[in-house]
Protein backbone atom coordinates (compact mmCIF):
# COMPACT_ATOMS: atom_id res chain seq x y z
CA UNK A 1 -73.09 -2.81 -27.34
CA UNK A 2 -72.44 -5.55 -24.79
CA UNK A 3 -75.48 -4.57 -22.69
CA UNK A 4 -77.64 -4.58 -25.84
CA UNK A 5 -76.33 -8.05 -26.79
CA UNK A 6 -74.61 -6.71 -29.90
CA UNK A 7 -71.37 -8.20 -28.56
CA UNK A 8 -71.93 -11.80 -27.49
CA UNK A 9 -69.02 -12.31 -25.09
CA UNK A 10 -67.38 -10.09 -22.50
CA UNK A 11 -64.36 -8.38 -24.12
CA UNK A 12 -60.82 -8.43 -22.79
CA UNK A 13 -59.69 -4.79 -22.94
CA UNK A 14 -56.04 -3.87 -23.47
CA UNK A 15 -54.65 -0.38 -22.99
CA UNK A 16 -51.33 0.46 -24.64
CA UNK A 17 -50.24 3.79 -23.23
CA UNK A 18 -47.30 6.05 -23.86
CA UNK A 19 -47.20 5.87 -27.64
CA UNK A 20 -46.30 9.27 -29.08
CA UNK A 21 -49.41 11.28 -30.12
CA UNK A 22 -51.76 8.65 -28.68
CA UNK A 23 -52.94 7.72 -25.16
CA UNK A 24 -50.99 9.80 -22.61
CA UNK A 25 -49.32 8.53 -19.46
CA UNK A 26 -51.64 10.42 -17.12
CA UNK A 27 -53.17 8.77 -14.06
CA UNK A 28 -56.39 10.82 -14.22
CA UNK A 29 -56.92 9.86 -17.86
CA UNK A 30 -56.12 6.22 -17.07
CA UNK A 31 -58.67 6.25 -14.23
CA UNK A 32 -61.25 7.55 -16.70
CA UNK A 33 -60.53 4.64 -19.08
CA UNK A 34 -61.09 2.14 -16.26
CA UNK A 35 -64.33 3.80 -15.13
CA UNK A 36 -65.51 3.79 -18.74
CA UNK A 37 -64.94 0.07 -19.35
CA UNK A 38 -66.72 -0.74 -16.08
CA UNK A 39 -69.64 1.46 -17.14
CA UNK A 40 -69.85 -0.05 -20.62
CA UNK A 41 -69.15 -3.71 -19.83
CA UNK A 42 -69.52 -4.17 -16.06
CA UNK A 43 -67.22 -4.29 -13.06
CA UNK A 44 -65.97 -7.81 -13.86
CA UNK A 45 -64.57 -6.93 -17.25
CA UNK A 46 -60.99 -8.22 -17.56
CA UNK A 47 -58.42 -5.69 -18.72
CA UNK A 48 -54.69 -5.10 -18.87
CA UNK A 49 -52.37 -2.19 -19.45
CA UNK A 50 -48.99 -1.84 -21.09
CA UNK A 51 -46.69 1.14 -20.95
CA UNK A 52 -44.32 1.78 -23.80
CA UNK A 53 -40.65 2.37 -23.08
CA UNK A 54 -39.90 4.04 -19.77
CA UNK A 55 -43.60 3.93 -18.89
CA UNK A 56 -43.85 0.14 -18.61
CA UNK A 57 -43.25 -0.12 -14.86
CA UNK A 58 -45.51 2.88 -14.15
CA UNK A 59 -48.40 1.31 -16.07
CA UNK A 60 -47.78 -2.08 -14.46
CA UNK A 61 -48.11 -0.47 -11.03
CA UNK A 62 -51.29 1.41 -12.01
CA UNK A 63 -52.88 -1.70 -13.53
CA UNK A 64 -52.16 -3.91 -10.55
CA UNK A 65 -53.31 -1.28 -8.05
CA UNK A 66 -56.64 -0.85 -9.90
CA UNK A 67 -57.38 -4.57 -10.26
CA UNK A 68 -56.24 -5.14 -13.81
CA UNK A 69 -53.50 -7.23 -15.33
CA UNK A 70 -50.03 -5.97 -16.17
CA UNK A 71 -48.78 -6.68 -19.66
CA UNK A 72 -45.06 -7.22 -19.66
CA UNK A 73 -42.56 -8.71 -21.99
CA UNK A 74 -39.50 -8.16 -24.04
CA UNK A 75 -41.63 -7.49 -27.11
CA UNK A 76 -42.58 -4.18 -25.43
CA UNK A 77 -39.31 -3.23 -23.76
CA UNK A 78 -35.87 -4.79 -23.65
CA UNK A 79 -34.58 -2.41 -20.95
CA UNK A 80 -35.77 -1.51 -17.46
CA UNK A 81 -34.11 1.89 -17.78
CA UNK A 82 -31.41 3.51 -19.90
CA UNK A 83 -28.65 1.40 -18.37
CA UNK A 84 -30.27 -1.87 -17.25
CA UNK A 85 -31.08 -4.64 -19.72
CA UNK A 86 -34.31 -6.48 -18.78
CA UNK A 87 -33.00 -9.83 -20.03
CA UNK A 88 -30.04 -9.88 -17.66
CA UNK A 89 -32.15 -8.44 -14.82
CA UNK A 90 -34.76 -11.20 -15.23
CA UNK A 91 -32.01 -13.75 -14.83
CA UNK A 92 -31.08 -12.24 -11.49
CA UNK A 93 -28.18 -10.11 -12.63
CA UNK A 94 -28.21 -6.46 -13.54
CA UNK A 95 -26.24 -5.74 -16.68
CA UNK A 96 -25.08 -2.14 -17.06
């Protein structure tokens, strides 16, 4: 659609991965998504990825390593793991 001028501006693509019964946390599948957006919209297409729950850090690492942006924030996850609160950790202190 972008190549045929049906979409006027380059889209910003967001992947939200790890939602139950939706996009799986699988590196091969994630690689396919990235290849697909580059094929459809071009290599310079901006994109980001967010992992839900325990997958947030994994998806941040994948996104950064593949040239995308990492979506982070307390609206997605308030904990880094089962025992560490992200709010306290971001202030420089681990709260367990």
